[in-house]
Amino acid sequence: MAEINYNNLYNQLSPMEQRYYDQQFSKNYVPGQENIMLSSQPAYEQMKAAYEAEQQIPETGFFDSLFGSASAAEPDSINYGIINTNQALPFKSMVDMYGMANQDLVNQINT
């Protein structure tokens, strides 16, 4: 809902105002702090409203934006099969890894 509100406010800005908003306003505006360069813009109040609406949009990570996000109360319904790092990497060190590879080679030669 917050994203829709922001998009509506942002889309009311002219293309030049949107460009200014993206390049200057959104990076330099600090709520409650006067900035004459920003406040002298003709669409200052509209940009301010868009900025405030944008701040209400929940932050999402890269994967959330690709796959959607689940709330903390929702259990993950995808089972990847790996429960812990010991299952993902069965050896504890490089020595174990090479020892397993060498043992496998010996077993292949012996059969």
PDB file of N, CA and C in Angstrom:
ATOM      1  N   MET A   1       0.815  -1.183   0.000  1.00  0.00           N
ATOM      2  CA  MET A   1       0.000   0.000   0.000  1.00  0.00           C
ATOM      3  C   MET A   1       0.867   1.258   0.000  1.00  0.00           C
ATOM      4  N   ALA A   2       1.941   1.242   0.809  1.00  0.00           N
ATOM      5  CA  ALA A   2       2.834   2.401   0.876  1.00  0.00           C
ATOM      6  C   ALA A   2       3.518   2.627  -0.465  1.00  0.00           C
ATOM      7  N   GLU A   3       3.844   1.540  -1.143  1.00  0.00           N
ATOM      8  CA  GLU A   3       4.504   1.657  -2.448  1.00  0.00           C
ATOM      9  C   GLU A   3       3.565   2.270  -3.486  1.00  0.00           C
ATOM     10  N   ILE A   4       2.294   1.917  -3.429  1.00  0.00           N
ATOM     11  CA  ILE A   4       1.300   2.484  -4.345  1.00  0.00           C
ATOM     12  C   ILE A   4       1.162   3.978  -4.086  1.00  0.00           C
ATOM     13  N   ASN A   5       1.104   4.365  -2.820  1.00  0.00           N
ATOM     14  CA  ASN A   5       1.002   5.774  -2.457  1.00  0.00           C
ATOM     15  C   ASN A   5       2.218   6.548  -2.976  1.00  0.00           C
ATOM     16  N   TYR A   6       3.408   5.992  -2.774  1.00  0.00           N
ATOM     17  CA  TYR A   6       4.630   6.637  -3.262  1.00  0.00           C
ATOM     18  C   TYR A   6       4.596   6.768  -4.781  1.00  0.00           C
ATOM     19  N   ASN A   7       4.249   5.682  -5.472  1.00  0.00           N
ATOM     20  CA  ASN A   7       4.207   5.718  -6.940  1.00  0.00           C
ATOM     21  C   ASN A   7       3.231   6.776  -7.443  1.00  0.00           C
ATOM     22  N   ASN A   8       2.077   6.880  -6.802  1.00  0.00           N
ATOM     23  CA  ASN A   8       1.098   7.900  -7.198  1.00  0.00           C
ATOM     24  C   ASN A   8       1.671   9.309  -7.036  1.00  0.00           C
ATOM     25  N   LEU A   9       2.297   9.563  -5.896  1.00  0.00           N
ATOM     26  CA  LEU A   9       2.873  10.884  -5.644  1.00  0.00           C
ATOM     27  C   LEU A   9       4.043  11.170  -6.596  1.00  0.00           C
ATOM     28  N   TYR A  10       4.881  10.181  -6.788  1.00  0.00           N
ATOM     29  CA  TYR A  10       6.044  10.339  -7.674  1.00  0.00           C
ATOM     30  C   TYR A  10       5.602  10.596  -9.115  1.00  0.00           C
ATOM     31  N   ASN A  11       4.585   9.865  -9.563  1.00  0.00           N
ATOM     32  CA  ASN A  11       4.106  10.014 -10.940  1.00  0.00           C
ATOM     33  C   ASN A  11       3.396  11.346 -11.186  1.00  0.00           C
ATOM     34  N   GLN A  12       3.023  12.060 -10.128  1.00  0.00           N
ATOM     35  CA  GLN A  12       2.428  13.380 -10.281  1.00  0.00           C
ATOM     36  C   GLN A  12       3.490  14.445 -10.588  1.00  0.00           C
ATOM     37  N   LEU A  13       4.753  14.101 -10.351  1.00  0.00           N
ATOM     38  CA  LEU A  13       5.841  15.021 -10.670  1.00  0.00           C
ATOM     39  C   LEU A  13       6.092  15.007 -12.173  1.00  0.00           C
ATOM     40  N   SER A  14       6.515  16.128 -12.709  1.00  0.00           N
ATOM     41  CA  SER A  14       6.869  16.184 -14.134  1.00  0.00           C
ATOM     42  C   SER A  14       8.146  15.372 -14.350  1.00  0.00           C
ATOM     43  N   PRO A  15       8.465  14.996 -15.590  1.00  0.00           N
ATOM     44  CA  PRO A  15       9.710  14.246 -15.838  1.00  0.00           C
ATOM     45  C   PRO A  15      10.962  14.964 -15.309  1.00  0.00           C
ATOM     46  N   MET A  16      11.031  16.269 -15.459  1.00  0.00           N
ATOM     47  CA  MET A  16      12.183  17.021 -14.937  1.00  0.00           C
ATOM     48  C   MET A  16      12.201  17.005 -13.408  1.00  0.00           C
ATOM     49  N   GLU A  17      11.041  17.093 -12.790  1.00  0.00           N
ATOM     50  CA  GLU A  17      10.959  17.038 -11.333  1.00  0.00           C
ATOM     51  C   GLU A  17      11.328  15.648 -10.823  1.00  0.00           C
ATOM     52  N   GLN A  18      10.914  14.613 -11.546  1.00  0.00           N
ATOM     53  CA  GLN A  18      11.289  13.246 -11.166  1.00  0.00           C
ATOM     54  C   GLN A  18      12.802  13.073 -11.236  1.00  0.00           C
ATOM     55  N   ARG A  19      13.389  13.621 -12.269  1.00  0.00           N
ATOM     56  CA  ARG A  19      14.847  13.526 -12.416  1.00  0.00           C
ATOM     57  C   ARG A  19      15.542  14.249 -11.258  1.00  0.00           C
ATOM     58  N   TYR A  20      15.070  15.448 -10.932  1.00  0.00           N
ATOM     59  CA  TYR A  20      15.637  16.182  -9.808  1.00  0.00           C
ATOM     60  C   TYR A  20      15.433  15.413  -8.496  1.00  0.00           C
ATOM     61  N   TYR A  21      14.250  14.843  -8.332  1.00  0.00           N
ATOM     62  CA  TYR A  21      13.956  14.061  -7.129  1.00  0.00           C
ATOM     63  C   TYR A  21      14.946  12.901  -7.004  1.00  0.00           C
ATOM     64  N   ASP A  22      15.146  12.162  -8.098  1.00  0.00           N
ATOM     65  CA  ASP A  22      16.034  10.992  -8.074  1.00  0.00           C
ATOM     66  C   ASP A  22      17.495  11.371  -7.839  1.00  0.00           C
ATOM     67  N   GLN A  23      17.949  12.437  -8.478  1.00  0.00           N
ATOM     68  CA  GLN A  23      19.362  12.787  -8.436  1.00  0.00           C
ATOM     69  C   GLN A  23      19.749  13.666  -7.252  1.00  0.00           C
ATOM     70  N   GLN A  24      18.838  14.488  -6.767  1.00  0.00           N
ATOM     71  CA  GLN A  24      19.193  15.435  -5.718  1.00  0.00           C
ATOM     72  C   GLN A  24      18.340  15.289  -4.455  1.00  0.00           C
ATOM     73  N   PHE A  25      17.041  15.434  -4.642  1.00  0.00           N
ATOM     74  CA  PHE A  25      16.150  15.542  -3.485  1.00  0.00           C
ATOM     75  C   PHE A  25      16.229  14.320  -2.581  1.00  0.00           C
ATOM     76  N   SER A  26      16.052  13.133  -3.147  1.00  0.00           N
ATOM     77  CA  SER A  26      15.998  11.927  -2.314  1.00  0.00           C
ATOM     78  C   SER A  26      17.323  11.645  -1.607  1.00  0.00           C
ATOM     79  N   LYS A  27      18.421  12.162  -2.135  1.00  0.00           N
ATOM     80  CA  LYS A  27      19.732  11.938  -1.528  1.00  0.00           C
ATOM     81  C   LYS A  27      20.091  12.996  -0.500  1.00  0.00           C
ATOM     82  N   ASN A  28      19.532  14.192  -0.637  1.00  0.00           N
ATOM     83  CA  ASN A  28      19.936  15.304   0.216  1.00  0.00           C
ATOM     84  C   ASN A  28      18.883  15.773   1.209  1.00  0.00           C
ATOM     85  N   TYR A  29      17.650  15.327   1.045  1.00  0.00           N
ATOM     86  CA  TYR A  29      16.585  15.778   1.946  1.00  0.00           C
ATOM     87  C   TYR A  29      16.722  15.107   3.303  1.00  0.00           C
ATOM     88  N   VAL A  30      16.696  15.915   4.353  1.00  0.00           N
ATOM     89  CA  VAL A  30      16.714  15.422   5.732  1.00  0.00           C
ATOM     90  C   VAL A  30      15.487  16.011   6.414  1.00  0.00           C
ATOM     91  N   PRO A  31      14.527  15.165   6.809  1.00  0.00           N
ATOM     92  CA  PRO A  31      13.312  15.687   7.456  1.00  0.00           C
ATOM     93  C   PRO A  31      13.645  16.559   8.664  1.00  0.00           C
ATOM     94  N   GLY A  32      12.968  17.686   8.731  1.00  0.00           N
ATOM     95  CA  GLY A  32      13.150  18.593   9.856  1.00  0.00           C
ATOM     96  C   GLY A  32      14.362  19.502   9.741  1.00  0.00           C
ATOM     97  N   GLN A  33      15.125  19.359   8.680  1.00  0.00           N
ATOM     98  CA  GLN A  33      16.308  20.196   8.494  1.00  0.00           C
ATOM     99  C   GLN A  33      16.123  21.042   7.242  1.00  0.00           C
ATOM    100  N   GLU A  34      16.307  22.340   7.362  1.00  0.00           N
ATOM    101  CA  GLU A  34      16.106  23.254   6.240  1.00  0.00           C
ATOM    102  C   GLU A  34      17.269  23.155   5.261  1.00  0.00           C
ATOM    103  N   ASN A  35      16.930  23.017   3.977  1.00  0.00           N
ATOM    104  CA  ASN A  35      17.921  23.022   2.907  1.00  0.00           C
ATOM    105  C   ASN A  35      17.377  23.935   1.824  1.00  0.00           C
ATOM    106  N   ILE A  36      17.946  25.123   1.709  1.00  0.00           N
ATOM    107  CA  ILE A  36      17.419  26.143   0.807  1.00  0.00           C
ATOM    108  C   ILE A  36      17.463  25.691  -0.649  1.00  0.00           C
ATOM    109  N   MET A  37      18.448  24.864  -1.006  1.00  0.00           N
ATOM    110  CA  MET A  37      18.538  24.375  -2.391  1.00  0.00           C
ATOM    111  C   MET A  37      17.346  23.483  -2.732  1.00  0.00           C
ATOM    112  N   LEU A  38      16.902  22.712  -1.782  1.00  0.00           N
ATOM    113  CA  LEU A  38      15.766  21.816  -2.016  1.00  0.00           C
ATOM    114  C   LEU A  38      14.443  22.550  -1.866  1.00  0.00           C
ATOM    115  N   SER A  39      14.335  23.356  -0.811  1.00  0.00           N
ATOM    116  CA  SER A  39      13.051  24.012  -0.538  1.00  0.00           C
ATOM    117  C   SER A  39      12.724  25.113  -1.547  1.00  0.00           C
ATOM    118  N   SER A  40      13.698  25.539  -2.335  1.00  0.00           N
ATOM    119  CA  SER A  40      13.433  26.568  -3.347  1.00  0.00           C
ATOM    120  C   SER A  40      12.872  25.976  -4.642  1.00  0.00           C
ATOM    121  N   GLN A  41      12.787  24.664  -4.718  1.00  0.00           N
ATOM    122  CA  GLN A  41      12.236  24.015  -5.910  1.00  0.00           C
ATOM    123  C   GLN A  41      10.727  24.220  -5.976  1.00  0.00           C
ATOM    124  N   PRO A  42      10.185  24.454  -7.182  1.00  0.00           N
ATOM    125  CA  PRO A  42       8.736  24.682  -7.316  1.00  0.00           C
ATOM    126  C   PRO A  42       7.889  23.520  -6.793  1.00  0.00           C
ATOM    127  N   ALA A  43       8.352  22.299  -6.935  1.00  0.00           N
ATOM    128  CA  ALA A  43       7.564  21.126  -6.521  1.00  0.00           C
ATOM    129  C   ALA A  43       8.051  20.577  -5.182  1.00  0.00           C
ATOM    130  N   TYR A  44       8.600  21.442  -4.349  1.00  0.00           N
ATOM    131  CA  TYR A  44       9.173  21.001  -3.067  1.00  0.00           C
ATOM    132  C   TYR A  44       8.172  20.213  -2.223  1.00  0.00           C
ATOM    133  N   GLU A  45       6.966  20.725  -2.066  1.00  0.00           N
ATOM    134  CA  GLU A  45       5.972  20.059  -1.220  1.00  0.00           C
ATOM    135  C   GLU A  45       5.588  18.689  -1.785  1.00  0.00           C
ATOM    136  N   GLN A  46       5.474  18.581  -3.103  1.00  0.00           N
ATOM    137  CA  GLN A  46       5.135  17.293  -3.726  1.00  0.00           C
ATOM    138  C   GLN A  46       6.299  16.304  -3.552  1.00  0.00           C
ATOM    139  N   MET A  47       7.534  16.790  -3.723  1.00  0.00           N
ATOM    140  CA  MET A  47       8.703  15.924  -3.533  1.00  0.00           C
ATOM    141  C   MET A  47       8.815  15.470  -2.086  1.00  0.00           C
ATOM    142  N   LYS A  48       8.526  16.387  -1.177  1.00  0.00           N
ATOM    143  CA  LYS A  48       8.556  16.058   0.249  1.00  0.00           C
ATOM    144  C   LYS A  48       7.522  14.980   0.567  1.00  0.00           C
ATOM    145  N   ALA A  49       6.313  15.107   0.011  1.00  0.00           N
ATOM    146  CA  ALA A  49       5.266  14.103   0.233  1.00  0.00           C
ATOM    147  C   ALA A  49       5.681  12.752  -0.363  1.00  0.00           C
ATOM    148  N   ALA A  50       6.285  12.779  -1.564  1.00  0.00           N
ATOM    149  CA  ALA A  50       6.749  11.540  -2.188  1.00  0.00           C
ATOM    150  C   ALA A  50       7.846  10.899  -1.343  1.00  0.00           C
ATOM    151  N   TYR A  51       8.765  11.705  -0.837  1.00  0.00           N
ATOM    152  CA  TYR A  51       9.848  11.199   0.010  1.00  0.00           C
ATOM    153  C   TYR A  51       9.294  10.532   1.266  1.00  0.00           C
ATOM    154  N   GLU A  52       8.363  11.203   1.914  1.00  0.00           N
ATOM    155  CA  GLU A  52       7.772  10.651   3.136  1.00  0.00           C
ATOM    156  C   GLU A  52       7.029   9.350   2.861  1.00  0.00           C
ATOM    157  N   ALA A  53       6.336   9.282   1.713  1.00  0.00           N
ATOM    158  CA  ALA A  53       5.657   8.032   1.334  1.00  0.00           C
ATOM    159  C   ALA A  53       6.672   6.939   1.032  1.00  0.00           C
ATOM    160  N   GLU A  54       7.778   7.319   0.410  1.00  0.00           N
ATOM    161  CA  GLU A  54       8.823   6.337   0.079  1.00  0.00           C
ATOM    162  C   GLU A  54       9.434   5.729   1.344  1.00  0.00           C
ATOM    163  N   GLN A  55       9.540   6.536   2.395  1.00  0.00           N
ATOM    164  CA  GLN A  55      10.102   6.047   3.651  1.00  0.00           C
ATOM    165  C   GLN A  55       9.195   5.025   4.328  1.00  0.00           C
ATOM    166  N   GLN A  56       7.934   4.984   3.957  1.00  0.00           N
ATOM    167  CA  GLN A  56       6.989   4.028   4.549  1.00  0.00           C
ATOM    168  C   GLN A  56       7.053   2.658   3.878  1.00  0.00           C
ATOM    169  N   ILE A  57       7.746   2.563   2.735  1.00  0.00           N
ATOM    170  CA  ILE A  57       7.864   1.292   2.027  1.00  0.00           C
ATOM    171  C   ILE A  57       8.835   0.397   2.783  1.00  0.00           C
ATOM    172  N   PRO A  58       8.425  -0.823   3.128  1.00  0.00           N
ATOM    173  CA  PRO A  58       9.339  -1.716   3.844  1.00  0.00           C
ATOM    174  C   PRO A  58      10.554  -2.037   2.984  1.00  0.00           C
ATOM    175  N   GLU A  59      11.704  -2.089   3.619  1.00  0.00           N
ATOM    176  CA  GLU A  59      12.939  -2.432   2.912  1.00  0.00           C
ATOM    177  C   GLU A  59      12.878  -3.908   2.522  1.00  0.00           C
ATOM    178  N   THR A  60      13.322  -4.196   1.303  1.00  0.00           N
ATOM    179  CA  THR A  60      13.408  -5.582   0.863  1.00  0.00           C
ATOM    180  C   THR A  60      14.801  -5.847   0.347  1.00  0.00           C
ATOM    181  N   GLY A  61      15.259  -7.050   0.568  1.00  0.00           N
ATOM    182  CA  GLY A  61      16.557  -7.447   0.059  1.00  0.00           C
ATOM    183  C   GLY A  61      16.460  -7.868  -1.394  1.00  0.00           C
ATOM    184  N   PHE A  62      17.585  -8.177  -1.964  1.00  0.00           N
ATOM    185  CA  PHE A  62      17.645  -8.578  -3.364  1.00  0.00           C
ATOM    186  C   PHE A  62      16.786  -9.807  -3.630  1.00  0.00           C
ATOM    187  N   PHE A  63      16.895 -10.836  -2.788  1.00  0.00           N
ATOM    188  CA  PHE A  63      16.132 -12.056  -3.014  1.00  0.00           C
ATOM    189  C   PHE A  63      14.647 -11.861  -2.750  1.00  0.00           C
ATOM    190  N   ASP A  64      14.322 -10.984  -1.793  1.00  0.00           N
ATOM    191  CA  ASP A  64      12.912 -10.681  -1.544  1.00  0.00           C
ATOM    192  C   ASP A  64      12.274 -10.046  -2.770  1.00  0.00           C
ATOM    193  N   SER A  65      13.014  -9.175  -3.440  1.00  0.00           N
ATOM    194  CA  SER A  65      12.454  -8.523  -4.616  1.00  0.00           C
ATOM    195  C   SER A  65      12.279  -9.513  -5.766  1.00  0.00           C
ATOM    196  N   LEU A  66      13.105 -10.544  -5.809  1.00  0.00           N
ATOM    197  CA  LEU A  66      12.972 -11.558  -6.861  1.00  0.00           C
ATOM    198  C   LEU A  66      11.892 -12.584  -6.550  1.00  0.00           C
ATOM    199  N   PHE A  67      11.869 -13.057  -5.314  1.00  0.00           N
ATOM    200  CA  PHE A  67      11.016 -14.177  -4.963  1.00  0.00           C
ATOM    201  C   PHE A  67       9.863 -13.816  -4.037  1.00  0.00           C
ATOM    202  N   GLY A  68       9.759 -12.574  -3.624  1.00  0.00           N
ATOM    203  CA  GLY A  68       8.741 -12.203  -2.649  1.00  0.00           C
ATOM    204  C   GLY A  68       9.276 -12.464  -1.261  1.00  0.00           C
ATOM    205  N   SER A  69       8.598 -11.973  -0.282  1.00  0.00           N
ATOM    206  CA  SER A  69       9.084 -12.169   1.080  1.00  0.00           C
ATOM    207  C   SER A  69       8.010 -12.848   1.909  1.00  0.00           C
ATOM    208  N   ALA A  70       8.465 -13.554   2.921  1.00  0.00           N
ATOM    209  CA  ALA A  70       7.553 -14.216   3.849  1.00  0.00           C
ATOM    210  C   ALA A  70       7.703 -13.546   5.197  1.00  0.00           C
ATOM    211  N   SER A  71       6.637 -13.476   5.932  1.00  0.00           N
ATOM    212  CA  SER A  71       6.744 -12.873   7.261  1.00  0.00           C
ATOM    213  C   SER A  71       7.434 -13.856   8.194  1.00  0.00           C
ATOM    214  N   ALA A  72       7.882 -13.352   9.330  1.00  0.00           N
ATOM    215  CA  ALA A  72       8.584 -14.201  10.290  1.00  0.00           C
ATOM    216  C   ALA A  72       7.672 -15.287  10.835  1.00  0.00           C
ATOM    217  N   ALA A  73       6.356 -15.042  10.838  1.00  0.00           N
ATOM    218  CA  ALA A  73       5.418 -16.035  11.356  1.00  0.00           C
ATOM    219  C   ALA A  73       5.170 -17.155  10.349  1.00  0.00           C
ATOM    220  N   GLU A  74       5.488 -16.905   9.095  1.00  0.00           N
ATOM    221  CA  GLU A  74       5.282 -17.917   8.065  1.00  0.00           C
ATOM    222  C   GLU A  74       6.480 -18.844   7.997  1.00  0.00           C
ATOM    223  N   PRO A  75       6.292 -20.151   8.148  1.00  0.00           N
ATOM    224  CA  PRO A  75       7.431 -21.050   7.993  1.00  0.00           C
ATOM    225  C   PRO A  75       7.814 -21.162   6.526  1.00  0.00           C
ATOM    226  N   ASP A  76       9.081 -21.386   6.293  1.00  0.00           N
ATOM    227  CA  ASP A  76       9.570 -21.563   4.929  1.00  0.00           C
ATOM    228  C   ASP A  76       9.057 -22.895   4.406  1.00  0.00           C
ATOM    229  N   SER A  77       8.324 -22.878   3.323  1.00  0.00           N
ATOM    230  CA  SER A  77       7.733 -24.105   2.805  1.00  0.00           C
ATOM    231  C   SER A  77       8.663 -24.838   1.860  1.00  0.00           C
ATOM    232  N   ILE A  78       9.820 -24.276   1.574  1.00  0.00           N
ATOM    233  CA  ILE A  78      10.768 -24.931   0.670  1.00  0.00           C
ATOM    234  C   ILE A  78      11.789 -25.679   1.506  1.00  0.00           C
ATOM    235  N   ASN A  79      11.952 -26.956   1.225  1.00  0.00           N
ATOM    236  CA  ASN A  79      12.940 -27.762   1.917  1.00  0.00           C
ATOM    237  C   ASN A  79      14.119 -27.940   0.983  1.00  0.00           C
ATOM    238  N   TYR A  80      15.243 -27.375   1.346  1.00  0.00           N
ATOM    239  CA  TYR A  80      16.427 -27.451   0.504  1.00  0.00           C
ATOM    240  C   TYR A  80      17.249 -28.702   0.769  1.00  0.00           C
ATOM    241  N   GLY A  81      16.924 -29.448   1.802  1.00  0.00           N
ATOM    242  CA  GLY A  81      17.609 -30.697   2.079  1.00  0.00           C
ATOM    243  C   GLY A  81      18.832 -30.545   2.968  1.00  0.00           C
ATOM    244  N   ILE A  82      19.402 -29.367   3.071  1.00  0.00           N
ATOM    245  CA  ILE A  82      20.571 -29.163   3.912  1.00  0.00           C
ATOM    246  C   ILE A  82      20.094 -28.533   5.208  1.00  0.00           C
ATOM    247  N   ILE A  83      20.334 -29.229   6.298  1.00  0.00           N
ATOM    248  CA  ILE A  83      19.890 -28.753   7.602  1.00  0.00           C
ATOM    249  C   ILE A  83      20.983 -27.932   8.279  1.00  0.00           C
ATOM    250  N   ASN A  84      22.228 -28.349   8.147  1.00  0.00           N
ATOM    251  CA  ASN A  84      23.330 -27.618   8.770  1.00  0.00           C
ATOM    252  C   ASN A  84      24.565 -27.690   7.884  1.00  0.00           C
ATOM    253  N   THR A  85      25.607 -26.999   8.281  1.00  0.00           N
ATOM    254  CA  THR A  85      26.797 -26.932   7.437  1.00  0.00           C
ATOM    255  C   THR A  85      27.534 -28.260   7.357  1.00  0.00           C
ATOM    256  N   ASN A  86      27.357 -29.121   8.358  1.00  0.00           N
ATOM    257  CA  ASN A  86      28.008 -30.432   8.280  1.00  0.00           C
ATOM    258  C   ASN A  86      27.419 -31.273   7.153  1.00  0.00           C
ATOM    259  N   GLN A  87      26.147 -31.063   6.853  1.00  0.00           N
ATOM    260  CA  GLN A  87      25.556 -31.781   5.737  1.00  0.00           C
ATOM    261  C   GLN A  87      25.999 -31.174   4.412  1.00  0.00           C
ATOM    262  N   ALA A  88      26.173 -29.873   4.383  1.00  0.00           N
ATOM    263  CA  ALA A  88      26.586 -29.210   3.155  1.00  0.00           C
ATOM    264  C   ALA A  88      28.032 -29.538   2.826  1.00  0.00           C
ATOM    265  N   LEU A  89      28.871 -29.624   3.833  1.00  0.00           N
ATOM    266  CA  LEU A  89      30.288 -29.909   3.652  1.00  0.00           C
ATOM    267  C   LEU A  89      30.668 -30.983   4.661  1.00  0.00           C
ATOM    268  N   PRO A  90      30.673 -32.249   4.245  1.00  0.00           N
ATOM    269  CA  PRO A  90      30.836 -33.333   5.209  1.00  0.00           C
ATOM    270  C   PRO A  90      32.222 -33.429   5.821  1.00  0.00           C
ATOM    271  N   PHE A  91      33.226 -32.791   5.238  1.00  0.00           N
ATOM    272  CA  PHE A  91      34.560 -32.863   5.836  1.00  0.00           C
ATOM    273  C   PHE A  91      34.845 -31.612   6.629  1.00  0.00           C
ATOM    274  N   LYS A  92      35.650 -31.790   7.639  1.00  0.00           N
ATOM    275  CA  LYS A  92      35.949 -30.690   8.558  1.00  0.00           C
ATOM    276  C   LYS A  92      37.132 -29.844   8.092  1.00  0.00           C
ATOM    277  N   SER A  93      38.005 -30.417   7.258  1.00  0.00           N
ATOM    278  CA  SER A  93      39.192 -29.687   6.829  1.00  0.00           C
ATOM    279  C   SER A  93      39.598 -30.157   5.437  1.00  0.00           C
ATOM    280  N   MET A  94      40.575 -29.480   4.879  1.00  0.00           N
ATOM    281  CA  MET A  94      41.094 -29.879   3.564  1.00  0.00           C
ATOM    282  C   MET A  94      41.751 -31.253   3.643  1.00  0.00           C
ATOM    283  N   VAL A  95      42.370 -31.562   4.786  1.00  0.00           N
ATOM    284  CA  VAL A  95      42.992 -32.872   4.968  1.00  0.00           C
ATOM    285  C   VAL A  95      41.930 -33.956   4.861  1.00  0.00           C
ATOM    286  N   ASP A  96      40.792 -33.759   5.494  1.00  0.00           N
ATOM    287  CA  ASP A  96      39.693 -34.727   5.399  1.00  0.00           C
ATOM    288  C   ASP A  96      39.225 -34.858   3.956  1.00  0.00           C
ATOM    289  N   MET A  97      39.118 -33.720   3.262  1.00  0.00           N
ATOM    290  CA  MET A  97      38.632 -33.746   1.891  1.00  0.00           C
ATOM    291  C   MET A  97      39.577 -34.553   1.004  1.00  0.00           C
ATOM    292  N   TYR A  98      40.885 -34.270   1.094  1.00  0.00           N
ATOM    293  CA  TYR A  98      41.844 -34.996   0.262  1.00  0.00           C
ATOM    294  C   TYR A  98      41.954 -36.447   0.684  1.00  0.00           C
ATOM    295  N   GLY A  99      41.826 -36.696   1.998  1.00  0.00           N
ATOM    296  CA  GLY A  99      41.861 -38.071   2.475  1.00  0.00           C
ATOM    297  C   GLY A  99      40.694 -38.864   1.902  1.00  0.00           C
ATOM    298  N   MET A 100      39.504 -38.261   1.840  1.00  0.00           N
ATOM    299  CA  MET A 100      38.335 -38.941   1.282  1.00  0.00           C
ATOM    300  C   MET A 100      38.523 -39.179  -0.207  1.00  0.00           C
ATOM    301  N   ALA A 101      39.072 -38.205  -0.911  1.00  0.00           N
ATOM    302  CA  ALA A 101      39.297 -38.353  -2.351  1.00  0.00           C
ATOM    303  C   ALA A 101      40.324 -39.440  -2.615  1.00  0.00           C
ATOM    304  N   ASN A 102      41.413 -39.461  -1.830  1.00  0.00           N
ATOM    305  CA  ASN A 102      42.437 -40.489  -2.006  1.00  0.00           C
ATOM    306  C   ASN A 102      41.894 -41.872  -1.675  1.00  0.00           C
ATOM    307  N   GLN A 103      41.099 -41.975  -0.629  1.00  0.00           N
ATOM    308  CA  GLN A 103      40.521 -43.259  -0.251  1.00  0.00           C
ATOM    309  C   GLN A 103      39.575 -43.749  -1.337  1.00  0.00           C
ATOM    310  N   ASP A 104      38.809 -42.834  -1.922  1.00  0.00           N
ATOM    311  CA  ASP A 104      37.904 -43.205  -3.001  1.00  0.00           C
ATOM    312  C   ASP A 104      38.689 -43.711  -4.199  1.00  0.00           C
ATOM    313  N   LEU A 105      39.798 -43.076  -4.528  1.00  0.00           N
ATOM    314  CA  LEU A 105      40.650 -43.505  -5.646  1.00  0.00           C
ATOM    315  C   LEU A 105      41.213 -44.883  -5.379  1.00  0.00           C
ATOM    316  N   VAL A 106      41.677 -45.134  -4.137  1.00  0.00           N
ATOM    317  CA  VAL A 106      42.205 -46.436  -3.764  1.00  0.00           C
ATOM    318  C   VAL A 106      41.118 -47.506  -3.893  1.00  0.00           C
ATOM    319  N   ASN A 107      39.905 -47.183  -3.447  1.00  0.00           N
ATOM    320  CA  ASN A 107      38.803 -48.139  -3.552  1.00  0.00           C
ATOM    321  C   ASN A 107      38.461 -48.449  -5.008  1.00  0.00           C
ATOM    322  N   GLN A 108      38.547 -47.457  -5.872  1.00  0.00           N
ATOM    323  CA  GLN A 108      38.249 -47.682  -7.295  1.00  0.00           C
ATOM    324  C   GLN A 108      39.309 -48.580  -7.938  1.00  0.00           C
ATOM    325  N   ILE A 109      40.551 -48.377  -7.560  1.00  0.00           N
ATOM    326  CA  ILE A 109      41.645 -49.195  -8.120  1.00  0.00           C
ATOM    327  C   ILE A 109      41.542 -50.629  -7.644  1.00  0.00           C
ATOM    328  N   ASN A 110      41.140 -50.828  -6.395  1.00  0.00           N
ATOM    329  CA  ASN A 110      41.071 -52.158  -5.813  1.00  0.00           C
ATOM    330  C   ASN A 110      39.881 -52.966  -6.325  1.00  0.00           C
ATOM    331  N   THR A 111      38.888 -52.329  -6.922  1.00  0.00           N
ATOM    332  CA  THR A 111      37.732 -53.099  -7.360  1.00  0.00           C
ATOM    333  C   THR A 111      37.818 -53.498  -8.794  1.00  0.00           C
TER     334      THR A 111
END
